[in-house]
Amino acid sequence: MQNARLSLAWMIAGMSLGALGLLLLMGQPFTAKAQESKQFQYRIVEVLPDTQNMQSKLTEFGSNGWELVAVSMGNMTEPRLIFKK
């Protein structure tokens, strides 16, 4: 009876180690993928400080895959839209 329990314990330990090894092998592509560096493009666009003009520029760049990441004020009268792709 005790031999059966010991055999069962060894079998469970072996299966657990096998499953752990499988998980480690499957996890390698994910770690390699995480190490890849992404490259971004940036674009700075000065626009007139009216809502209609800013909306048209935001729509234009957004439809081309650009994401607005910041808005800065150039000389306090001309907004600069900063996009990233």
PDB file of N, CA and C in Angstrom:
ATOM      1  N   MET A   1       0.828  -1.188   0.000  1.00  0.00           N
ATOM      2  CA  MET A   1       0.000   0.000   0.000  1.00  0.00           C
ATOM      3  C   MET A   1       0.868   1.246   0.000  1.00  0.00           C
ATOM      4  N   GLN A   2       1.914   1.193   0.823  1.00  0.00           N
ATOM      5  CA  GLN A   2       2.794   2.360   0.909  1.00  0.00           C
ATOM      6  C   GLN A   2       3.595   2.521  -0.385  1.00  0.00           C
ATOM      7  N   ASN A   3       3.948   1.395  -1.029  1.00  0.00           N
ATOM      8  CA  ASN A   3       4.660   1.460  -2.312  1.00  0.00           C
ATOM      9  C   ASN A   3       3.783   2.096  -3.380  1.00  0.00           C
ATOM     10  N   ALA A   4       2.488   1.828  -3.339  1.00  0.00           N
ATOM     11  CA  ALA A   4       1.560   2.397  -4.312  1.00  0.00           C
ATOM     12  C   ALA A   4       1.479   3.916  -4.123  1.00  0.00           C
ATOM     13  N   ARG A   5       1.442   4.359  -2.873  1.00  0.00           N
ATOM     14  CA  ARG A   5       1.410   5.803  -2.601  1.00  0.00           C
ATOM     15  C   ARG A   5       2.696   6.477  -3.072  1.00  0.00           C
ATOM     16  N   LEU A   6       3.830   5.814  -2.833  1.00  0.00           N
ATOM     17  CA  LEU A   6       5.120   6.363  -3.247  1.00  0.00           C
ATOM     18  C   LEU A   6       5.195   6.435  -4.768  1.00  0.00           C
ATOM     19  N   SER A   7       4.724   5.404  -5.443  1.00  0.00           N
ATOM     20  CA  SER A   7       4.715   5.401  -6.910  1.00  0.00           C
ATOM     21  C   SER A   7       3.815   6.507  -7.451  1.00  0.00           C
ATOM     22  N   LEU A   8       2.672   6.694  -6.812  1.00  0.00           N
ATOM     23  CA  LEU A   8       1.744   7.741  -7.225  1.00  0.00           C
ATOM     24  C   LEU A   8       2.375   9.128  -7.028  1.00  0.00           C
ATOM     25  N   ALA A   9       3.080   9.309  -5.928  1.00  0.00           N
ATOM     26  CA  ALA A   9       3.745  10.584  -5.658  1.00  0.00           C
ATOM     27  C   ALA A   9       4.815  10.869  -6.707  1.00  0.00           C
ATOM     28  N   TRP A  10       5.595   9.830  -7.068  1.00  0.00           N
ATOM     29  CA  TRP A  10       6.639  10.017  -8.088  1.00  0.00           C
ATOM     30  C   TRP A  10       6.016  10.317  -9.459  1.00  0.00           C
ATOM     31  N   MET A  11       4.893   9.667  -9.738  1.00  0.00           N
ATOM     32  CA  MET A  11       4.224   9.905 -11.008  1.00  0.00           C
ATOM     33  C   MET A  11       3.691  11.343 -11.081  1.00  0.00           C
ATOM     34  N   ILE A  12       3.111  11.822 -10.000  1.00  0.00           N
ATOM     35  CA  ILE A  12       2.609  13.203  -9.964  1.00  0.00           C
ATOM     36  C   ILE A  12       3.767  14.193 -10.075  1.00  0.00           C
ATOM     37  N   ALA A  13       4.872  13.918  -9.397  1.00  0.00           N
ATOM     38  CA  ALA A  13       6.037  14.800  -9.473  1.00  0.00           C
ATOM     39  C   ALA A  13       6.596  14.827 -10.897  1.00  0.00           C
ATOM     40  N   GLY A  14       6.661  13.684 -11.531  1.00  0.00           N
ATOM     41  CA  GLY A  14       7.165  13.624 -12.902  1.00  0.00           C
ATOM     42  C   GLY A  14       6.277  14.375 -13.880  1.00  0.00           C
ATOM     43  N   MET A  15       4.959  14.219 -13.712  1.00  0.00           N
ATOM     44  CA  MET A  15       4.030  14.928 -14.594  1.00  0.00           C
ATOM     45  C   MET A  15       4.118  16.439 -14.365  1.00  0.00           C
ATOM     46  N   SER A  16       4.287  16.839 -13.122  1.00  0.00           N
ATOM     47  CA  SER A  16       4.395  18.270 -12.816  1.00  0.00           C
ATOM     48  C   SER A  16       5.651  18.858 -13.433  1.00  0.00           C
ATOM     49  N   LEU A  17       6.763  18.157 -13.305  1.00  0.00           N
ATOM     50  CA  LEU A  17       8.009  18.643 -13.907  1.00  0.00           C
ATOM     51  C   LEU A  17       7.911  18.682 -15.431  1.00  0.00           C
ATOM     52  N   GLY A  18       7.257  17.691 -16.015  1.00  0.00           N
ATOM     53  CA  GLY A  18       7.061  17.692 -17.468  1.00  0.00           C
ATOM     54  C   GLY A  18       6.221  18.871 -17.922  1.00  0.00           C
ATOM     55  N   ALA A  19       5.149  19.156 -17.174  1.00  0.00           N
ATOM     56  CA  ALA A  19       4.292  20.295 -17.520  1.00  0.00           C
ATOM     57  C   ALA A  19       5.053  21.598 -17.371  1.00  0.00           C
ATOM     58  N   LEU A  20       5.854  21.713 -16.326  1.00  0.00           N
ATOM     59  CA  LEU A  20       6.665  22.919 -16.127  1.00  0.00           C
ATOM     60  C   LEU A  20       7.663  23.095 -17.269  1.00  0.00           C
ATOM     61  N   GLY A  21       8.300  22.011 -17.682  1.00  0.00           N
ATOM     62  CA  GLY A  21       9.236  22.079 -18.801  1.00  0.00           C
ATOM     63  C   GLY A  21       8.552  22.507 -20.086  1.00  0.00           C
ATOM     64  N   LEU A  22       7.360  21.996 -20.310  1.00  0.00           N
ATOM     65  CA  LEU A  22       6.595  22.366 -21.500  1.00  0.00           C
ATOM     66  C   LEU A  22       6.249  23.854 -21.479  1.00  0.00           C
ATOM     67  N   LEU A  23       5.845  24.342 -20.318  1.00  0.00           N
ATOM     68  CA  LEU A  23       5.534  25.771 -20.200  1.00  0.00           C
ATOM     69  C   LEU A  23       6.767  26.635 -20.449  1.00  0.00           C
ATOM     70  N   LEU A  24       7.906  26.206 -19.949  1.00  0.00           N
ATOM     71  CA  LEU A  24       9.140  26.967 -20.166  1.00  0.00           C
ATOM     72  C   LEU A  24       9.520  26.995 -21.647  1.00  0.00           C
ATOM     73  N   LEU A  25       9.341  25.867 -22.318  1.00  0.00           N
ATOM     74  CA  LEU A  25       9.651  25.826 -23.750  1.00  0.00           C
ATOM     75  C   LEU A  25       8.699  26.697 -24.555  1.00  0.00           C
ATOM     76  N   MET A  26       7.438  26.691 -24.184  1.00  0.00           N
ATOM     77  CA  MET A  26       6.454  27.490 -24.913  1.00  0.00           C
ATOM     78  C   MET A  26       6.629  28.979 -24.627  1.00  0.00           C
ATOM     79  N   GLY A  27       7.181  29.326 -23.494  1.00  0.00           N
ATOM     80  CA  GLY A  27       7.325  30.725 -23.116  1.00  0.00           C
ATOM     81  C   GLY A  27       8.482  31.428 -23.799  1.00  0.00           C
ATOM     82  N   GLN A  28       9.412  30.701 -24.385  1.00  0.00           N
ATOM     83  CA  GLN A  28      10.577  31.332 -24.993  1.00  0.00           C
ATOM     84  C   GLN A  28      10.243  32.283 -26.137  1.00  0.00           C
ATOM     85  N   PRO A  29       9.339  31.956 -27.057  1.00  0.00           N
ATOM     86  CA  PRO A  29       9.038  32.914 -28.126  1.00  0.00           C
ATOM     87  C   PRO A  29       8.459  34.227 -27.596  1.00  0.00           C
ATOM     88  N   PHE A  30       7.710  34.147 -26.493  1.00  0.00           N
ATOM     89  CA  PHE A  30       7.119  35.351 -25.940  1.00  0.00           C
ATOM     90  C   PHE A  30       8.189  36.266 -25.361  1.00  0.00           C
ATOM     91  N   THR A  31       9.197  35.707 -24.698  1.00  0.00           N
ATOM     92  CA  THR A  31      10.251  36.552 -24.144  1.00  0.00           C
ATOM     93  C   THR A  31      11.103  37.145 -25.262  1.00  0.00           C
ATOM     94  N   ALA A  32      11.327  36.383 -26.321  1.00  0.00           N
ATOM     95  CA  ALA A  32      12.105  36.913 -27.440  1.00  0.00           C
ATOM     96  C   ALA A  32      11.331  38.034 -28.127  1.00  0.00           C
ATOM     97  N   LYS A  33      10.018  37.898 -28.217  1.00  0.00           N
ATOM     98  CA  LYS A  33       9.201  38.913 -28.852  1.00  0.00           C
ATOM     99  C   LYS A  33       9.188  40.198 -28.030  1.00  0.00           C
ATOM    100  N   ALA A  34       9.190  40.059 -26.716  1.00  0.00           N
ATOM    101  CA  ALA A  34       9.146  41.226 -25.844  1.00  0.00           C
ATOM    102  C   ALA A  34      10.437  42.029 -25.923  1.00  0.00           C
ATOM    103  N   GLN A  35      11.531  41.408 -26.341  1.00  0.00           N
ATOM    104  CA  GLN A  35      12.806  42.100 -26.410  1.00  0.00           C
ATOM    105  C   GLN A  35      12.977  42.893 -27.704  1.00  0.00           C
ATOM    106  N   GLU A  36      12.106  42.676 -28.684  1.00  0.00           N
ATOM    107  CA  GLU A  36      12.200  43.423 -29.935  1.00  0.00           C
ATOM    108  C   GLU A  36      11.893  44.888 -29.672  1.00  0.00           C
ATOM    109  N   SER A  37      12.708  45.773 -30.230  1.00  0.00           N
ATOM    110  CA  SER A  37      12.449  47.196 -30.020  1.00  0.00           C
ATOM    111  C   SER A  37      11.555  47.725 -31.136  1.00  0.00           C
ATOM    112  N   LYS A  38      10.589  48.530 -30.741  1.00  0.00           N
ATOM    113  CA  LYS A  38       9.687  49.119 -31.718  1.00  0.00           C
ATOM    114  C   LYS A  38      10.272  50.439 -32.182  1.00  0.00           C
ATOM    115  N   GLN A  39      10.048  50.751 -33.425  1.00  0.00           N
ATOM    116  CA  GLN A  39      10.490  52.026 -33.968  1.00  0.00           C
ATOM    117  C   GLN A  39       9.263  52.839 -34.338  1.00  0.00           C
ATOM    118  N   PHE A  40       9.248  54.076 -33.914  1.00  0.00           N
ATOM    119  CA  PHE A  40       8.120  54.953 -34.165  1.00  0.00           C
ATOM    120  C   PHE A  40       8.534  56.099 -35.069  1.00  0.00           C
ATOM    121  N   GLN A  41       7.566  56.630 -35.777  1.00  0.00           N
ATOM    122  CA  GLN A  41       7.744  57.856 -36.540  1.00  0.00           C
ATOM    123  C   GLN A  41       6.982  58.940 -35.800  1.00  0.00           C
ATOM    124  N   TYR A  42       7.502  60.146 -35.841  1.00  0.00           N
ATOM    125  CA  TYR A  42       6.822  61.267 -35.199  1.00  0.00           C
ATOM    126  C   TYR A  42       6.627  62.381 -36.213  1.00  0.00           C
ATOM    127  N   ARG A  43       5.556  63.113 -36.043  1.00  0.00           N
ATOM    128  CA  ARG A  43       5.282  64.231 -36.929  1.00  0.00           C
ATOM    129  C   ARG A  43       4.743  65.379 -36.085  1.00  0.00           C
ATOM    130  N   ILE A  44       5.285  66.570 -36.286  1.00  0.00           N
ATOM    131  CA  ILE A  44       4.829  67.769 -35.585  1.00  0.00           C
ATOM    132  C   ILE A  44       4.174  68.680 -36.611  1.00  0.00           C
ATOM    133  N   VAL A  45       2.923  69.066 -36.329  1.00  0.00           N
ATOM    134  CA  VAL A  45       2.154  69.861 -37.270  1.00  0.00           C
ATOM    135  C   VAL A  45       1.666  71.123 -36.562  1.00  0.00           C
ATOM    136  N   GLU A  46       2.011  72.281 -37.110  1.00  0.00           N
ATOM    137  CA  GLU A  46       1.488  73.540 -36.571  1.00  0.00           C
ATOM    138  C   GLU A  46       0.157  73.832 -37.251  1.00  0.00           C
ATOM    139  N   VAL A  47      -0.828  74.186 -36.455  1.00  0.00           N
ATOM    140  CA  VAL A  47      -2.163  74.449 -36.998  1.00  0.00           C
ATOM    141  C   VAL A  47      -2.636  75.820 -36.536  1.00  0.00           C
ATOM    142  N   LEU A  48      -3.620  76.332 -37.255  1.00  0.00           N
ATOM    143  CA  LEU A  48      -4.243  77.581 -36.827  1.00  0.00           C
ATOM    144  C   LEU A  48      -5.056  77.304 -35.565  1.00  0.00           C
ATOM    145  N   PRO A  49      -5.117  78.262 -34.662  1.00  0.00           N
ATOM    146  CA  PRO A  49      -5.777  77.997 -33.379  1.00  0.00           C
ATOM    147  C   PRO A  49      -7.306  78.078 -33.425  1.00  0.00           C
ATOM    148  N   ASP A  50      -7.927  77.470 -34.425  1.00  0.00           N
ATOM    149  CA  ASP A  50      -9.384  77.408 -34.432  1.00  0.00           C
ATOM    150  C   ASP A  50      -9.815  75.945 -34.449  1.00  0.00           C
ATOM    151  N   THR A  51     -10.948  75.698 -33.867  1.00  0.00           N
ATOM    152  CA  THR A  51     -11.430  74.337 -33.673  1.00  0.00           C
ATOM    153  C   THR A  51     -11.616  73.589 -34.985  1.00  0.00           C
ATOM    154  N   GLN A  52     -12.178  74.237 -35.982  1.00  0.00           N
ATOM    155  CA  GLN A  52     -12.451  73.578 -37.264  1.00  0.00           C
ATOM    156  C   GLN A  52     -11.158  73.096 -37.914  1.00  0.00           C
ATOM    157  N   ASN A  53     -10.136  73.948 -37.932  1.00  0.00           N
ATOM    158  CA  ASN A  53      -8.859  73.574 -38.536  1.00  0.00           C
ATOM    159  C   ASN A  53      -8.204  72.430 -37.769  1.00  0.00           C
ATOM    160  N   MET A  54      -8.237  72.504 -36.439  1.00  0.00           N
ATOM    161  CA  MET A  54      -7.627  71.443 -35.639  1.00  0.00           C
ATOM    162  C   MET A  54      -8.358  70.118 -35.851  1.00  0.00           C
ATOM    163  N   GLN A  55      -9.687  70.139 -35.920  1.00  0.00           N
ATOM    164  CA  GLN A  55     -10.448  68.913 -36.131  1.00  0.00           C
ATOM    165  C   GLN A  55     -10.144  68.285 -37.483  1.00  0.00           C
ATOM    166  N   SER A  56     -10.006  69.112 -38.498  1.00  0.00           N
ATOM    167  CA  SER A  56      -9.712  68.550 -39.824  1.00  0.00           C
ATOM    168  C   SER A  56      -8.321  67.908 -39.846  1.00  0.00           C
ATOM    169  N   LYS A  57      -7.334  68.519 -39.182  1.00  0.00           N
ATOM    170  CA  LYS A  57      -5.981  67.933 -39.130  1.00  0.00           C
ATOM    171  C   LYS A  57      -5.982  66.647 -38.317  1.00  0.00           C
ATOM    172  N   LEU A  58      -6.698  66.636 -37.193  1.00  0.00           N
ATOM    173  CA  LEU A  58      -6.776  65.428 -36.368  1.00  0.00           C
ATOM    174  C   LEU A  58      -7.425  64.289 -37.145  1.00  0.00           C
ATOM    175  N   THR A  59      -8.489  64.574 -37.867  1.00  0.00           N
ATOM    176  CA  THR A  59      -9.174  63.560 -38.668  1.00  0.00           C
ATOM    177  C   THR A  59      -8.277  63.058 -39.792  1.00  0.00           C
ATOM    178  N   GLU A  60      -7.591  63.979 -40.449  1.00  0.00           N
ATOM    179  CA  GLU A  60      -6.709  63.619 -41.567  1.00  0.00           C
ATOM    180  C   GLU A  60      -5.585  62.685 -41.103  1.00  0.00           C
ATOM    181  N   PHE A  61      -4.900  63.073 -40.045  1.00  0.00           N
ATOM    182  CA  PHE A  61      -3.777  62.255 -39.586  1.00  0.00           C
ATOM    183  C   PHE A  61      -4.262  60.956 -38.938  1.00  0.00           C
ATOM    184  N   GLY A  62      -5.381  61.009 -38.221  1.00  0.00           N
ATOM    185  CA  GLY A  62      -5.923  59.802 -37.605  1.00  0.00           C
ATOM    186  C   GLY A  62      -6.332  58.762 -38.630  1.00  0.00           C
ATOM    187  N   SER A  63      -6.893  59.190 -39.739  1.00  0.00           N
ATOM    188  CA  SER A  63      -7.309  58.240 -40.779  1.00  0.00           C
ATOM    189  C   SER A  63      -6.107  57.619 -41.487  1.00  0.00           C
ATOM    190  N   ASN A  64      -4.935  58.251 -41.362  1.00  0.00           N
ATOM    191  CA  ASN A  64      -3.716  57.708 -41.962  1.00  0.00           C
ATOM    192  C   ASN A  64      -2.877  56.924 -40.962  1.00  0.00           C
ATOM    193  N   GLY A  65      -3.462  56.606 -39.793  1.00  0.00           N
ATOM    194  CA  GLY A  65      -2.764  55.759 -38.828  1.00  0.00           C
ATOM    195  C   GLY A  65      -1.924  56.494 -37.803  1.00  0.00           C
ATOM    196  N   TRP A  66      -1.976  57.817 -37.771  1.00  0.00           N
ATOM    197  CA  TRP A  66      -1.212  58.589 -36.802  1.00  0.00           C
ATOM    198  C   TRP A  66      -2.023  58.750 -35.521  1.00  0.00           C
ATOM    199  N   GLU A  67      -1.333  58.712 -34.381  1.00  0.00           N
ATOM    200  CA  GLU A  67      -1.972  58.869 -33.080  1.00  0.00           C
ATOM    201  C   GLU A  67      -1.473  60.158 -32.441  1.00  0.00           C
ATOM    202  N   LEU A  68      -2.394  60.989 -31.984  1.00  0.00           N
ATOM    203  CA  LEU A  68      -2.020  62.227 -31.307  1.00  0.00           C
ATOM    204  C   LEU A  68      -1.461  61.881 -29.936  1.00  0.00           C
ATOM    205  N   VAL A  69      -0.231  62.345 -29.649  1.00  0.00           N
ATOM    206  CA  VAL A  69       0.386  62.036 -28.356  1.00  0.00           C
ATOM    207  C   VAL A  69       0.575  63.272 -27.489  1.00  0.00           C
ATOM    208  N   ALA A  70       0.581  64.470 -28.100  1.00  0.00           N
ATOM    209  CA  ALA A  70       0.764  65.686 -27.308  1.00  0.00           C
ATOM    210  C   ALA A  70       0.335  66.902 -28.113  1.00  0.00           C
ATOM    211  N   VAL A  71       0.014  67.957 -27.385  1.00  0.00           N
ATOM    212  CA  VAL A  71      -0.264  69.252 -27.997  1.00  0.00           C
ATOM    213  C   VAL A  71       0.574  70.260 -27.244  1.00  0.00           C
ATOM    214  N   SER A  72       1.416  70.979 -27.962  1.00  0.00           N
ATOM    215  CA  SER A  72       2.206  72.024 -27.315  1.00  0.00           C
ATOM    216  C   SER A  72       1.900  73.349 -27.991  1.00  0.00           C
ATOM    217  N   MET A  73       2.120  74.400 -27.276  1.00  0.00           N
ATOM    218  CA  MET A  73       1.885  75.734 -27.827  1.00  0.00           C
ATOM    219  C   MET A  73       3.229  76.307 -28.249  1.00  0.00           C
ATOM    220  N   GLY A  74       3.376  76.578 -29.550  1.00  0.00           N
ATOM    221  CA  GLY A  74       4.625  77.114 -30.083  1.00  0.00           C
ATOM    222  C   GLY A  74       4.987  78.429 -29.426  1.00  0.00           C
ATOM    223  N   ASN A  75       4.526  79.506 -30.001  1.00  0.00           N
ATOM    224  CA  ASN A  75       4.788  80.818 -29.410  1.00  0.00           C
ATOM    225  C   ASN A  75       3.532  81.329 -28.711  1.00  0.00           C
ATOM    226  N   MET A  76       2.799  80.415 -28.122  1.00  0.00           N
ATOM    227  CA  MET A  76       1.577  80.665 -27.354  1.00  0.00           C
ATOM    228  C   MET A  76       0.383  81.043 -28.229  1.00  0.00           C
ATOM    229  N   THR A  77       0.542  81.077 -29.544  1.00  0.00           N
ATOM    230  CA  THR A  77      -0.601  81.372 -30.408  1.00  0.00           C
ATOM    231  C   THR A  77      -0.836  80.276 -31.437  1.00  0.00           C
ATOM    232  N   GLU A  78       0.184  79.454 -31.713  1.00  0.00           N
ATOM    233  CA  GLU A  78       0.055  78.404 -32.724  1.00  0.00           C
ATOM    234  C   GLU A  78       0.213  77.031 -32.068  1.00  0.00           C
ATOM    235  N   PRO A  79      -0.883  76.289 -31.944  1.00  0.00           N
ATOM    236  CA  PRO A  79      -0.773  74.940 -31.364  1.00  0.00           C
ATOM    237  C   PRO A  79       0.043  74.020 -32.275  1.00  0.00           C
ATOM    238  N   ARG A  80       0.793  73.149 -31.653  1.00  0.00           N
ATOM    239  CA  ARG A  80       1.548  72.128 -32.379  1.00  0.00           C
ATOM    240  C   ARG A  80       0.989  70.775 -31.978  1.00  0.00           C
ATOM    241  N   LEU A  81       0.519  70.053 -32.967  1.00  0.00           N
ATOM    242  CA  LEU A  81       0.003  68.704 -32.739  1.00  0.00           C
ATOM    243  C   LEU A  81       1.149  67.727 -32.973  1.00  0.00           C
ATOM    244  N   ILE A  82       1.414  66.866 -32.011  1.00  0.00           N
ATOM    245  CA  ILE A  82       2.505  65.913 -32.136  1.00  0.00           C
ATOM    246  C   ILE A  82       1.891  64.520 -32.268  1.00  0.00           C
ATOM    247  N   PHE A  83       2.175  63.887 -33.418  1.00  0.00           N
ATOM    248  CA  PHE A  83       1.625  62.582 -33.746  1.00  0.00           C
ATOM    249  C   PHE A  83       2.706  61.514 -33.708  1.00  0.00           C
ATOM    250  N   LYS A  84       2.283  60.278 -33.453  1.00  0.00           N
ATOM    251  CA  LYS A  84       3.198  59.128 -33.443  1.00  0.00           C
ATOM    252  C   LYS A  84       2.562  58.013 -34.249  1.00  0.00           C
ATOM    253  N   LYS A  85       3.404  57.289 -34.979  1.00  0.00           N
ATOM    254  CA  LYS A  85       2.920  56.146 -35.783  1.00  0.00           C
ATOM    255  C   LYS A  85       3.869  54.993 -35.603  1.00  0.00           C
TER     256      LYS A  85
END
